[in-house]
Amino acid sequence: MYDLRPFIGEVERIVERHYLGEPGKYTRWITQDEKGSRDLGSTPYGCANAVNILYTIGALPSAMEERAAFVKVLQDFQNPEDGLFMNPGNYETHTTAFVSGALNLLDAKPLYTAKGFAKYQSKEGLWAFMDSIDWAKNPWLGAHLGAGIYASMLLTDTVADDWEDLYFQWLDENADPATGLWKKGALEGAEAFHYLASTFHYVFNYEYAKRALPYPKELLDTCIKAYREGVCMDFSKSVGWPDIDFTYLLARVQRRAGSRFEETQEILKEIADGLITQLLAMNPEESETLNDLNTLFAIVCTLAVLQDALPGYIRTSKPLKLVLDKRPFL
């Protein structure tokens, strides 16, 4: 068993170091890069990630006044004219879904519906949008569109469940029967892992909506084969978003498939061993990895998945809470 109580304490202190002195306001980074490209002020991803991380480790403020300040900071990032949240370098679907998701953790909502996405409310508009994603050559980044539109529409109260039916109908019809990946007929042109990471984004939408995956057993076989053949990153040498993408995909698809449990457990333990060994060797005050709140969020999400999937393997003072169990989108 890994006792991560000291590490989680460091995580909370890292978030505290990113605090900008006003309730709810956080910076994503506390050091500038060589290019001077980082915004060290209060940003959508700094503030939302602080909420995400504090929720995960059970440290969100309980005082109503402080929580209200967190909510206001996040709501103020929304453009009242089109109802979207924007951040340089990110798709509007990603930022809208991400900030709306953080508000959801505070049991709050954006102030406006996503009027800027109104053209995607019809079947024709939505399906044309999904078809337009570069599924073959850029599926991972494209998932920020294809999965982000779902969370953006739902978490802003822009659509109802009949729209969800259309969304999942498109996904059901476009899943690859042989591998369980998205999208059939477009699984060449990018690195193999990118299709797994892309598929992760659609699986968490299925999980949130409690919908049946089209091909769970085939997808599980694909995940295990990819891991065994070295398609995935080396989880003992790298830390980042691929950790949560693959770990969640493998753990949750195994539950859906209901097969290959012992083999999946073996892989998840190998991932946990590699990830935690790296984390415990890092200096929490100096690590660029840990002091990027966006990457730190991915790390604590992975630990939450592993703690849930491997009972008794990871100890924390409070059980880690995976944000995807409350809301869609990362």
C-alpha atoms as a PDB file:
ATOM      1  CA  MET A   1       0.000   0.000   0.000  1.00  0.00           C
ATOM      2  CA  TYR A   2       1.163   3.522  -0.824  1.00  0.00           C
ATOM      3  CA  ASP A   3       0.574   6.108   1.909  1.00  0.00           C
ATOM      4  CA  LEU A   4       0.001   9.307  -0.060  1.00  0.00           C
ATOM      5  CA  ARG A   5      -1.162  11.457   2.836  1.00  0.00           C
ATOM      6  CA  PRO A   6       2.047  13.526   2.825  1.00  0.00           C
ATOM      7  CA  PHE A   7       1.895  13.925  -0.956  1.00  0.00           C
ATOM      8  CA  ILE A   8      -1.736  15.098  -0.893  1.00  0.00           C
ATOM      9  CA  GLY A   9      -0.734  17.616   1.756  1.00  0.00           C
ATOM     10  CA  GLU A  10       1.886  18.919  -0.663  1.00  0.00           C
ATOM     11  CA  VAL A  11      -0.766  19.125  -3.386  1.00  0.00           C
ATOM     12  CA  GLU A  12      -2.894  21.373  -1.204  1.00  0.00           C
ATOM     13  CA  ARG A  13       0.115  23.575  -0.452  1.00  0.00           C
ATOM     14  CA  ILE A  14       0.890  23.840  -4.166  1.00  0.00           C
ATOM     15  CA  VAL A  15      -2.619  25.156  -4.811  1.00  0.00           C
ATOM     16  CA  GLU A  16      -2.163  27.632  -1.943  1.00  0.00           C
ATOM     17  CA  ARG A  17       1.022  28.940  -3.599  1.00  0.00           C
ATOM     18  CA  HIS A  18      -0.970  29.670  -6.764  1.00  0.00           C
ATOM     19  CA  TYR A  19      -3.506  31.765  -4.843  1.00  0.00           C
ATOM     20  CA  LEU A  20      -3.511  35.416  -5.951  1.00  0.00           C
ATOM     21  CA  GLY A  21      -4.833  36.971  -2.755  1.00  0.00           C
ATOM     22  CA  GLU A  22      -8.527  37.232  -3.678  1.00  0.00           C
ATOM     23  CA  PRO A  23     -10.960  34.374  -2.975  1.00  0.00           C
ATOM     24  CA  GLY A  24     -11.358  32.175  -6.052  1.00  0.00           C
ATOM     25  CA  LYS A  25      -8.495  33.725  -8.030  1.00  0.00           C
ATOM     26  CA  TYR A  26      -5.575  31.484  -8.964  1.00  0.00           C
ATOM     27  CA  THR A  27      -2.819  31.399 -11.535  1.00  0.00           C
ATOM     28  CA  ARG A  28      -2.037  28.267 -13.493  1.00  0.00           C
ATOM     29  CA  TRP A  29       1.720  28.842 -13.114  1.00  0.00           C
ATOM     30  CA  ILE A  30       3.854  30.675 -10.570  1.00  0.00           C
ATOM     31  CA  THR A  31       7.010  30.869 -12.706  1.00  0.00           C
ATOM     32  CA  GLN A  32       7.518  32.299 -16.174  1.00  0.00           C
ATOM     33  CA  ASP A  33       8.891  30.216 -19.039  1.00  0.00           C
ATOM     34  CA  GLU A  34      11.859  31.162 -21.223  1.00  0.00           C
ATOM     35  CA  LYS A  35       9.598  32.605 -23.925  1.00  0.00           C
ATOM     36  CA  GLY A  36       7.646  34.725 -21.474  1.00  0.00           C
ATOM     37  CA  SER A  37       4.433  33.208 -22.805  1.00  0.00           C
ATOM     38  CA  ARG A  38       2.696  32.354 -19.546  1.00  0.00           C
ATOM     39  CA  ASP A  39      -0.136  34.454 -18.168  1.00  0.00           C
ATOM     40  CA  LEU A  40       0.626  34.582 -14.446  1.00  0.00           C
ATOM     41  CA  GLY A  41      -2.628  36.311 -13.598  1.00  0.00           C
ATOM     42  CA  SER A  42      -6.078  34.978 -12.786  1.00  0.00           C
ATOM     43  CA  THR A  43      -7.086  32.828 -15.761  1.00  0.00           C
ATOM     44  CA  PRO A  44      -9.916  30.377 -16.552  1.00  0.00           C
ATOM     45  CA  TYR A  45      -7.583  27.394 -16.303  1.00  0.00           C
ATOM     46  CA  GLY A  46      -5.848  28.612 -13.168  1.00  0.00           C
ATOM     47  CA  CYS A  47      -9.117  29.182 -11.309  1.00  0.00           C
ATOM     48  CA  ALA A  48     -10.952  26.130 -12.664  1.00  0.00           C
ATOM     49  CA  ASN A  49      -8.021  23.821 -11.958  1.00  0.00           C
ATOM     50  CA  ALA A  50      -7.765  25.071  -8.394  1.00  0.00           C
ATOM     51  CA  VAL A  51     -11.414  24.130  -7.883  1.00  0.00           C
ATOM     52  CA  ASN A  52     -10.912  20.796  -9.633  1.00  0.00           C
ATOM     53  CA  ILE A  53      -7.916  19.859  -7.501  1.00  0.00           C
ATOM     54  CA  LEU A  54      -9.402  21.001  -4.210  1.00  0.00           C
ATOM     55  CA  TYR A  55     -12.572  19.037  -4.960  1.00  0.00           C
ATOM     56  CA  THR A  56     -10.549  15.924  -5.761  1.00  0.00           C
ATOM     57  CA  ILE A  57      -8.589  15.998  -2.511  1.00  0.00           C
ATOM     58  CA  GLY A  58     -11.593  17.035  -0.392  1.00  0.00           C
ATOM     59  CA  ALA A  59     -10.344  20.540   0.394  1.00  0.00           C
ATOM     60  CA  LEU A  60     -12.908  22.865  -1.206  1.00  0.00           C
ATOM     61  CA  PRO A  61     -13.893  25.673   1.176  1.00  0.00           C
ATOM     62  CA  SER A  62     -17.066  24.984   3.151  1.00  0.00           C
ATOM     63  CA  ALA A  63     -17.921  28.571   4.061  1.00  0.00           C
ATOM     64  CA  MET A  64     -20.753  29.808   1.834  1.00  0.00           C
ATOM     65  CA  GLU A  65     -19.213  33.267   1.432  1.00  0.00           C
ATOM     66  CA  GLU A  66     -15.928  31.857   0.163  1.00  0.00           C
ATOM     67  CA  ARG A  67     -17.646  29.365  -2.149  1.00  0.00           C
ATOM     68  CA  ALA A  68     -19.762  32.205  -3.554  1.00  0.00           C
ATOM     69  CA  ALA A  69     -16.565  34.099  -4.346  1.00  0.00           C
ATOM     70  CA  PHE A  70     -15.211  31.065  -6.224  1.00  0.00           C
ATOM     71  CA  VAL A  71     -18.439  30.873  -8.211  1.00  0.00           C
ATOM     72  CA  LYS A  72     -18.406  34.556  -9.118  1.00  0.00           C
ATOM     73  CA  VAL A  73     -14.805  34.422 -10.330  1.00  0.00           C
ATOM     74  CA  LEU A  74     -15.613  31.518 -12.648  1.00  0.00           C
ATOM     75  CA  GLN A  75     -18.896  33.001 -13.866  1.00  0.00           C
ATOM     76  CA  ASP A  76     -17.163  36.279 -14.712  1.00  0.00           C
ATOM     77  CA  PHE A  77     -15.084  34.504 -17.366  1.00  0.00           C
ATOM     78  CA  GLN A  78     -18.235  33.896 -19.432  1.00  0.00           C
ATOM     79  CA  ASN A  79     -19.008  36.171 -22.367  1.00  0.00           C
ATOM     80  CA  PRO A  80     -22.609  37.332 -21.812  1.00  0.00           C
ATOM     81  CA  GLU A  81     -23.166  37.904 -25.531  1.00  0.00           C
ATOM     82  CA  ASP A  82     -22.608  34.334 -26.727  1.00  0.00           C
ATOM     83  CA  GLY A  83     -22.459  32.453 -23.422  1.00  0.00           C
ATOM     84  CA  LEU A  84     -19.033  30.984 -24.170  1.00  0.00           C
ATOM     85  CA  PHE A  85     -15.852  30.831 -22.101  1.00  0.00           C
ATOM     86  CA  MET A  86     -12.620  31.567 -23.956  1.00  0.00           C
ATOM     87  CA  ASN A  87      -8.907  31.217 -23.315  1.00  0.00           C
ATOM     88  CA  PRO A  88      -6.066  31.820 -25.795  1.00  0.00           C
ATOM     89  CA  GLY A  89      -4.822  28.568 -27.287  1.00  0.00           C
ATOM     90  CA  ASN A  90      -7.882  26.480 -26.407  1.00  0.00           C
ATOM     91  CA  TYR A  91     -11.028  25.605 -28.330  1.00  0.00           C
ATOM     92  CA  GLU A  92     -14.118  27.416 -27.069  1.00  0.00           C
ATOM     93  CA  THR A  93     -15.724  24.001 -26.585  1.00  0.00           C
ATOM     94  CA  HIS A  94     -12.879  23.019 -24.267  1.00  0.00           C
ATOM     95  CA  THR A  95     -12.836  26.173 -22.153  1.00  0.00           C
ATOM     96  CA  THR A  96     -16.635  26.361 -21.925  1.00  0.00           C
ATOM     97  CA  ALA A  97     -16.834  22.727 -20.841  1.00  0.00           C
ATOM     98  CA  PHE A  98     -13.883  23.060 -18.448  1.00  0.00           C
ATOM     99  CA  VAL A  99     -15.045  26.161 -16.585  1.00  0.00           C
ATOM    100  CA  SER A 100     -18.672  25.016 -16.548  1.00  0.00           C
ATOM    101  CA  GLY A 101     -17.439  21.745 -15.079  1.00  0.00           C
ATOM    102  CA  ALA A 102     -15.653  23.565 -12.264  1.00  0.00           C
ATOM    103  CA  LEU A 103     -18.840  25.485 -11.489  1.00  0.00           C
ATOM    104  CA  ASN A 104     -20.681  22.172 -11.342  1.00  0.00           C
ATOM    105  CA  LEU A 105     -18.324  20.995  -8.585  1.00  0.00           C
ATOM    106  CA  LEU A 106     -19.447  24.033  -6.594  1.00  0.00           C
ATOM    107  CA  ASP A 107     -23.103  23.133  -7.294  1.00  0.00           C
ATOM    108  CA  ALA A 108     -23.392  26.225  -9.468  1.00  0.00           C
ATOM    109  CA  LYS A 109     -23.929  27.002 -13.150  1.00  0.00           C
ATOM    110  CA  PRO A 110     -22.841  29.517 -15.783  1.00  0.00           C
ATOM    111  CA  LEU A 111     -25.037  32.594 -15.941  1.00  0.00           C
ATOM    112  CA  TYR A 112     -25.968  32.191 -19.606  1.00  0.00           C
ATOM    113  CA  THR A 113     -26.729  29.428 -22.064  1.00  0.00           C
ATOM    114  CA  ALA A 114     -24.178  28.752 -24.820  1.00  0.00           C
ATOM    115  CA  LYS A 115     -25.876  30.844 -27.478  1.00  0.00           C
ATOM    116  CA  GLY A 116     -22.698  30.755 -29.538  1.00  0.00           C
ATOM    117  CA  PHE A 117     -23.258  27.033 -30.108  1.00  0.00           C
ATOM    118  CA  ALA A 118     -26.908  27.411 -31.156  1.00  0.00           C
ATOM    119  CA  LYS A 119     -26.153  26.134 -34.681  1.00  0.00           C
ATOM    120  CA  TYR A 120     -25.262  22.750 -33.180  1.00  0.00           C
ATOM    121  CA  GLN A 121     -28.648  22.260 -31.525  1.00  0.00           C
ATOM    122  CA  SER A 122     -30.209  20.657 -34.596  1.00  0.00           C
ATOM    123  CA  LYS A 123     -29.443  17.136 -35.761  1.00  0.00           C
ATOM    124  CA  GLU A 124     -28.018  18.474 -38.999  1.00  0.00           C
ATOM    125  CA  GLY A 125     -25.827  21.046 -37.269  1.00  0.00           C
ATOM    126  CA  LEU A 126     -24.552  18.646 -34.615  1.00  0.00           C
ATOM    127  CA  TRP A 127     -23.781  15.809 -36.988  1.00  0.00           C
ATOM    128  CA  ALA A 128     -22.049  18.129 -39.442  1.00  0.00           C
ATOM    129  CA  PHE A 129     -19.936  19.398 -36.535  1.00  0.00           C
ATOM    130  CA  MET A 130     -19.001  15.864 -35.473  1.00  0.00           C
ATOM    131  CA  ASP A 131     -18.238  14.870 -39.068  1.00  0.00           C
ATOM    132  CA  SER A 132     -15.954  17.894 -39.474  1.00  0.00           C
ATOM    133  CA  ILE A 133     -13.503  16.755 -36.773  1.00  0.00           C
ATOM    134  CA  ASP A 134     -10.171  15.457 -38.073  1.00  0.00           C
ATOM    135  CA  TRP A 135     -10.701  11.923 -36.802  1.00  0.00           C
ATOM    136  CA  ALA A 136      -7.861  10.396 -38.805  1.00  0.00           C
ATOM    137  CA  LYS A 137      -4.907  12.714 -38.288  1.00  0.00           C
ATOM    138  CA  ASN A 138      -5.753  14.710 -35.159  1.00  0.00           C
ATOM    139  CA  PRO A 139      -8.225  12.663 -33.092  1.00  0.00           C
ATOM    140  CA  TRP A 140      -6.852  13.533 -29.632  1.00  0.00           C
ATOM    141  CA  LEU A 141      -7.100  17.281 -30.061  1.00  0.00           C
ATOM    142  CA  GLY A 142     -10.308  16.783 -31.997  1.00  0.00           C
ATOM    143  CA  ALA A 143     -11.834  15.177 -28.912  1.00  0.00           C
ATOM    144  CA  HIS A 144     -11.732  18.605 -27.260  1.00  0.00           C
ATOM    145  CA  LEU A 145     -14.336  19.498 -29.856  1.00  0.00           C
ATOM    146  CA  GLY A 146     -16.327  16.284 -30.021  1.00  0.00           C
ATOM    147  CA  ALA A 147     -16.477  15.685 -26.267  1.00  0.00           C
ATOM    148  CA  GLY A 148     -16.357  19.363 -25.329  1.00  0.00           C
ATOM    149  CA  ILE A 149     -19.522  20.196 -27.234  1.00  0.00           C
ATOM    150  CA  TYR A 150     -21.431  17.673 -25.115  1.00  0.00           C
ATOM    151  CA  ALA A 151     -20.365  19.112 -21.754  1.00  0.00           C
ATOM    152  CA  SER A 152     -20.655  22.683 -23.029  1.00  0.00           C
ATOM    153  CA  MET A 153     -24.255  22.162 -24.099  1.00  0.00           C
ATOM    154  CA  LEU A 154     -25.326  20.251 -20.992  1.00  0.00           C
ATOM    155  CA  LEU A 155     -23.575  22.241 -18.290  1.00  0.00           C
ATOM    156  CA  THR A 156     -24.862  25.554 -19.651  1.00  0.00           C
ATOM    157  CA  ASP A 157     -28.440  24.217 -19.847  1.00  0.00           C
ATOM    158  CA  THR A 158     -28.466  24.896 -23.586  1.00  0.00           C
ATOM    159  CA  VAL A 159     -30.048  21.564 -24.589  1.00  0.00           C
ATOM    160  CA  ALA A 160     -32.313  18.837 -23.246  1.00  0.00           C
ATOM    161  CA  ASP A 161     -32.153  15.046 -23.349  1.00  0.00           C
ATOM    162  CA  ASP A 162     -33.487  14.777 -26.897  1.00  0.00           C
ATOM    163  CA  TRP A 163     -30.272  16.483 -28.034  1.00  0.00           C
ATOM    164  CA  GLU A 164     -28.310  13.934 -26.019  1.00  0.00           C
ATOM    165  CA  ASP A 165     -30.062  11.183 -27.957  1.00  0.00           C
ATOM    166  CA  LEU A 166     -28.794  12.687 -31.213  1.00  0.00           C
ATOM    167  CA  TYR A 167     -25.282  13.043 -29.837  1.00  0.00           C
ATOM    168  CA  PHE A 168     -24.999   9.440 -28.695  1.00  0.00           C
ATOM    169  CA  GLN A 169     -26.704   8.176 -31.831  1.00  0.00           C
ATOM    170  CA  TRP A 170     -23.882   9.698 -33.863  1.00  0.00           C
ATOM    171  CA  LEU A 171     -21.266   8.127 -31.577  1.00  0.00           C
ATOM    172  CA  ASP A 172     -22.991   4.732 -31.607  1.00  0.00           C
ATOM    173  CA  GLU A 173     -23.133   4.694 -35.381  1.00  0.00           C
ATOM    174  CA  ASN A 174     -19.516   5.781 -35.800  1.00  0.00           C
ATOM    175  CA  ALA A 175     -17.757   3.495 -33.304  1.00  0.00           C
ATOM    176  CA  ASP A 176     -15.423   0.959 -34.897  1.00  0.00           C
ATOM    177  CA  PRO A 177     -16.834  -2.573 -34.374  1.00  0.00           C
ATOM    178  CA  ALA A 178     -13.399  -4.229 -34.481  1.00  0.00           C
ATOM    179  CA  THR A 179     -11.594  -2.016 -31.947  1.00  0.00           C
ATOM    180  CA  GLY A 180     -14.300  -0.042 -30.123  1.00  0.00           C
ATOM    181  CA  LEU A 181     -12.423   3.169 -30.990  1.00  0.00           C
ATOM    182  CA  TRP A 182     -13.689   6.290 -32.704  1.00  0.00           C
ATOM    183  CA  LYS A 183     -14.055   6.789 -35.548  1.00  0.00           C
ATOM    184  CA  LYS A 184     -14.561   3.802 -37.828  1.00  0.00           C
ATOM    185  CA  GLY A 185     -12.842   4.213 -41.168  1.00  0.00           C
ATOM    186  CA  ALA A 186     -10.509   6.874 -39.717  1.00  0.00           C
ATOM    187  CA  LEU A 187      -8.029   5.030 -37.516  1.00  0.00           C
ATOM    188  CA  GLU A 188      -4.882   5.705 -39.514  1.00  0.00           C
ATOM    189  CA  GLY A 189      -2.832   8.852 -39.918  1.00  0.00           C
ATOM    190  CA  ALA A 190      -1.859   9.607 -36.312  1.00  0.00           C
ATOM    191  CA  GLU A 191       0.099   7.809 -33.587  1.00  0.00           C
ATOM    192  CA  ALA A 192      -1.846   4.799 -32.312  1.00  0.00           C
ATOM    193  CA  PHE A 193      -2.084   6.151 -28.759  1.00  0.00           C
ATOM    194  CA  HIS A 194      -3.896   9.244 -29.994  1.00  0.00           C
ATOM    195  CA  TYR A 195      -6.948   7.159 -30.897  1.00  0.00           C
ATOM    196  CA  LEU A 196      -7.014   5.718 -27.376  1.00  0.00           C
ATOM    197  CA  ALA A 197      -6.691   9.159 -25.791  1.00  0.00           C
ATOM    198  CA  SER A 198      -9.393  10.485 -28.083  1.00  0.00           C
ATOM    199  CA  THR A 199     -11.735   7.619 -27.257  1.00  0.00           C
ATOM    200  CA  PHE A 200     -11.267   8.284 -23.529  1.00  0.00           C
ATOM    201  CA  HIS A 201     -13.098  11.588 -23.981  1.00  0.00           C
ATOM    202  CA  TYR A 202     -16.163   9.915 -25.449  1.00  0.00           C
ATOM    203  CA  VAL A 203     -16.151   7.102 -22.907  1.00  0.00           C
ATOM    204  CA  PHE A 204     -16.411   9.549 -20.005  1.00  0.00           C
ATOM    205  CA  ASN A 205     -19.476  11.035 -21.675  1.00  0.00           C
ATOM    206  CA  TYR A 206     -21.024   7.575 -21.892  1.00  0.00           C
ATOM    207  CA  GLU A 207     -20.155   7.024 -18.233  1.00  0.00           C
ATOM    208  CA  TYR A 208     -21.709  10.324 -17.184  1.00  0.00           C
ATOM    209  CA  ALA A 209     -24.897   9.698 -19.159  1.00  0.00           C
ATOM    210  CA  LYS A 210     -25.096   6.030 -18.039  1.00  0.00           C
ATOM    211  CA  ARG A 211     -25.335   4.973 -21.682  1.00  0.00           C
ATOM    212  CA  ALA A 212     -24.246   1.588 -23.012  1.00  0.00           C
ATOM    213  CA  LEU A 213     -20.905   1.567 -24.836  1.00  0.00           C
ATOM    214  CA  PRO A 214     -21.221   0.199 -28.371  1.00  0.00           C
ATOM    215  CA  TYR A 215     -18.323  -2.313 -28.214  1.00  0.00           C
ATOM    216  CA  PRO A 216     -16.943  -2.567 -24.661  1.00  0.00           C
ATOM    217  CA  LYS A 217     -15.233  -5.966 -24.979  1.00  0.00           C
ATOM    218  CA  GLU A 218     -13.532  -5.008 -28.224  1.00  0.00           C
ATOM    219  CA  LEU A 219     -12.399  -1.714 -26.706  1.00  0.00           C
ATOM    220  CA  LEU A 220     -11.004  -3.471 -23.633  1.00  0.00           C
ATOM    221  CA  ASP A 221      -9.077  -5.879 -25.849  1.00  0.00           C
ATOM    222  CA  THR A 222      -7.729  -2.884 -27.778  1.00  0.00           C
ATOM    223  CA  CYS A 223      -6.565  -1.173 -24.567  1.00  0.00           C
ATOM    224  CA  ILE A 224      -4.789  -4.233 -23.184  1.00  0.00           C
ATOM    225  CA  LYS A 225      -3.166  -5.036 -26.519  1.00  0.00           C
ATOM    226  CA  ALA A 226      -1.948  -1.446 -26.858  1.00  0.00           C
ATOM    227  CA  TYR A 227      -0.404  -1.536 -23.388  1.00  0.00           C
ATOM    228  CA  ARG A 228       1.279  -4.892 -23.916  1.00  0.00           C
ATOM    229  CA  GLU A 229       2.673  -3.859 -27.295  1.00  0.00           C
ATOM    230  CA  GLY A 230       4.166  -0.611 -26.014  1.00  0.00           C
ATOM    231  CA  VAL A 231       1.751   1.730 -27.773  1.00  0.00           C
ATOM    232  CA  CYS A 232       1.177   3.641 -24.525  1.00  0.00           C
ATOM    233  CA  MET A 233       3.623   5.956 -22.816  1.00  0.00           C
ATOM    234  CA  ASP A 234       6.011   4.473 -20.277  1.00  0.00           C
ATOM    235  CA  PHE A 235       4.095   5.218 -17.090  1.00  0.00           C
ATOM    236  CA  SER A 236       7.268   4.795 -15.026  1.00  0.00           C
ATOM    237  CA  LYS A 237       9.110   7.562 -16.881  1.00  0.00           C
ATOM    238  CA  SER A 238       6.529  10.192 -17.891  1.00  0.00           C
ATOM    239  CA  VAL A 239       3.804  12.080 -16.054  1.00  0.00           C
ATOM    240  CA  GLY A 240       0.946  14.005 -17.623  1.00  0.00           C
ATOM    241  CA  TRP A 241      -2.416  13.816 -19.304  1.00  0.00           C
ATOM    242  CA  PRO A 242      -1.799  10.406 -20.939  1.00  0.00           C
ATOM    243  CA  ASP A 243      -1.894   8.942 -17.409  1.00  0.00           C
ATOM    244  CA  ILE A 244      -5.529   9.832 -16.803  1.00  0.00           C
ATOM    245  CA  ASP A 245      -6.575   9.223 -20.413  1.00  0.00           C
ATOM    246  CA  PHE A 246      -5.428   5.618 -20.503  1.00  0.00           C
ATOM    247  CA  THR A 247      -5.955   4.713 -16.834  1.00  0.00           C
ATOM    248  CA  TYR A 248      -9.577   5.838 -16.804  1.00  0.00           C
ATOM    249  CA  LEU A 249     -10.248   4.263 -20.186  1.00  0.00           C
ATOM    250  CA  LEU A 250      -8.854   0.898 -19.118  1.00  0.00           C
ATOM    251  CA  ALA A 251     -10.490   0.814 -15.665  1.00  0.00           C
ATOM    252  CA  ARG A 252     -13.951   1.924 -16.721  1.00  0.00           C
ATOM    253  CA  VAL A 253     -14.127  -0.076 -19.945  1.00  0.00           C
ATOM    254  CA  GLN A 254     -13.180  -3.224 -18.032  1.00  0.00           C
ATOM    255  CA  ARG A 255     -16.207  -2.675 -15.821  1.00  0.00           C
ATOM    256  CA  ARG A 256     -18.404  -2.296 -18.883  1.00  0.00           C
ATOM    257  CA  ALA A 257     -16.924  -5.359 -20.571  1.00  0.00           C
ATOM    258  CA  GLY A 258     -16.989  -7.567 -17.483  1.00  0.00           C
ATOM    259  CA  SER A 259     -13.974  -9.569 -18.613  1.00  0.00           C
ATOM    260  CA  ARG A 260     -10.174  -9.778 -18.197  1.00  0.00           C
ATOM    261  CA  PHE A 261     -10.369  -8.430 -14.632  1.00  0.00           C
ATOM    262  CA  GLU A 262      -7.137  -9.907 -13.276  1.00  0.00           C
ATOM    263  CA  GLU A 263      -5.139  -8.770 -16.288  1.00  0.00           C
ATOM    264  CA  THR A 264      -6.551  -5.278 -15.991  1.00  0.00           C
ATOM    265  CA  GLN A 265      -5.708  -5.172 -12.287  1.00  0.00           C
ATOM    266  CA  GLU A 266      -2.146  -6.177 -13.063  1.00  0.00           C
ATOM    267  CA  ILE A 267      -1.763  -3.334 -15.566  1.00  0.00           C
ATOM    268  CA  LEU A 268      -3.359  -0.783 -13.235  1.00  0.00           C
ATOM    269  CA  LYS A 269      -0.937  -1.772 -10.463  1.00  0.00           C
ATOM    270  CA  GLU A 270       1.987  -1.357 -12.848  1.00  0.00           C
ATOM    271  CA  ILE A 271       0.707   2.113 -13.766  1.00  0.00           C
ATOM    272  CA  ALA A 272       0.249   3.015 -10.091  1.00  0.00           C
ATOM    273  CA  ASP A 273       3.738   1.800  -9.216  1.00  0.00           C
ATOM    274  CA  GLY A 274       5.347   3.785 -12.014  1.00  0.00           C
ATOM    275  CA  LEU A 275       3.363   6.978 -11.455  1.00  0.00           C
ATOM    276  CA  ILE A 276       3.663   7.084  -7.674  1.00  0.00           C
ATOM    277  CA  THR A 277       7.380   6.298  -7.720  1.00  0.00           C
ATOM    278  CA  GLN A 278       7.895   9.317  -9.963  1.00  0.00           C
ATOM    279  CA  LEU A 279       5.691  11.595  -7.871  1.00  0.00           C
ATOM    280  CA  LEU A 280       7.435  10.764  -4.599  1.00  0.00           C
ATOM    281  CA  ALA A 281      10.808  11.556  -6.187  1.00  0.00           C
ATOM    282  CA  MET A 282       9.711  15.075  -7.221  1.00  0.00           C
ATOM    283  CA  ASN A 283      10.410  18.238  -5.242  1.00  0.00           C
ATOM    284  CA  PRO A 284       6.931  19.772  -4.741  1.00  0.00           C
ATOM    285  CA  GLU A 285       8.340  23.279  -4.448  1.00  0.00           C
ATOM    286  CA  GLU A 286      10.499  23.167  -7.559  1.00  0.00           C
ATOM    287  CA  SER A 287       8.875  20.662  -9.927  1.00  0.00           C
ATOM    288  CA  GLU A 288       7.575  22.311 -13.103  1.00  0.00           C
ATOM    289  CA  THR A 289       5.263  19.341 -13.518  1.00  0.00           C
ATOM    290  CA  LEU A 290       3.594  19.642 -10.137  1.00  0.00           C
ATOM    291  CA  ASN A 291       3.469  23.437 -10.209  1.00  0.00           C
ATOM    292  CA  ASP A 292       1.447  23.542 -13.418  1.00  0.00           C
ATOM    293  CA  LEU A 293      -2.084  23.301 -12.000  1.00  0.00           C
ATOM    294  CA  ASN A 294      -3.351  21.844 -15.260  1.00  0.00           C
ATOM    295  CA  THR A 295      -0.900  18.936 -15.114  1.00  0.00           C
ATOM    296  CA  LEU A 296      -1.373  18.563 -11.363  1.00  0.00           C
ATOM    297  CA  PHE A 297      -5.093  18.157 -11.960  1.00  0.00           C
ATOM    298  CA  ALA A 298      -4.425  15.317 -14.404  1.00  0.00           C
ATOM    299  CA  ILE A 299      -2.191  13.658 -11.806  1.00  0.00           C
ATOM    300  CA  VAL A 300      -4.704  13.749  -8.957  1.00  0.00           C
ATOM    301  CA  CYS A 301      -7.421  12.514 -11.323  1.00  0.00           C
ATOM    302  CA  THR A 302      -5.249   9.511 -12.173  1.00  0.00           C
ATOM    303  CA  LEU A 303      -4.654   8.815  -8.494  1.00  0.00           C
ATOM    304  CA  ALA A 304      -8.419   8.972  -7.893  1.00  0.00           C
ATOM    305  CA  VAL A 305      -9.050   6.407 -10.631  1.00  0.00           C
ATOM    306  CA  LEU A 306      -6.328   4.120  -9.297  1.00  0.00           C
ATOM    307  CA  GLN A 307      -7.494   4.395  -5.686  1.00  0.00           C
ATOM    308  CA  ASP A 308     -11.001   3.428  -6.763  1.00  0.00           C
ATOM    309  CA  ALA A 309      -9.890   0.598  -9.066  1.00  0.00           C
ATOM    310  CA  LEU A 310      -7.323  -0.853  -6.639  1.00  0.00           C
ATOM    311  CA  PRO A 311      -8.950  -0.972  -3.181  1.00  0.00           C
ATOM    312  CA  GLY A 312      -6.391  -0.843  -0.380  1.00  0.00           C
ATOM    313  CA  TYR A 313      -3.512   0.108  -2.683  1.00  0.00           C
ATOM    314  CA  ILE A 314      -3.481   3.893  -2.140  1.00  0.00           C
ATOM    315  CA  ARG A 315      -4.138   5.566   1.217  1.00  0.00           C
ATOM    316  CA  THR A 316      -5.227   9.176   1.623  1.00  0.00           C
ATOM    317  CA  SER A 317      -6.808  10.920   4.622  1.00  0.00           C
ATOM    318  CA  LYS A 318      -9.992  11.458   2.624  1.00  0.00           C
ATOM    319  CA  PRO A 319     -10.924   9.254  -0.340  1.00  0.00           C
ATOM    320  CA  LEU A 320     -10.065  11.048  -3.567  1.00  0.00           C
ATOM    321  CA  LYS A 321     -13.127  12.108  -5.558  1.00  0.00           C
ATOM    322  CA  LEU A 322     -12.951  11.870  -9.334  1.00  0.00           C
ATOM    323  CA  VAL A 323     -14.548  14.893 -10.976  1.00  0.00           C
ATOM    324  CA  LEU A 324     -15.751  12.717 -13.865  1.00  0.00           C
ATOM    325  CA  ASP A 325     -18.046  10.901 -11.431  1.00  0.00           C
ATOM    326  CA  LYS A 326     -19.927  14.183 -10.939  1.00  0.00           C
ATOM    327  CA  ARG A 327     -19.658  15.939 -14.275  1.00  0.00           C
ATOM    328  CA  PRO A 328     -18.430  15.204 -17.797  1.00  0.00           C
ATOM    329  CA  PHE A 329     -15.181  16.562 -19.245  1.00  0.00           C
ATOM    330  CA  LEU A 330     -11.557  17.112 -18.282  1.00  0.00           C
END
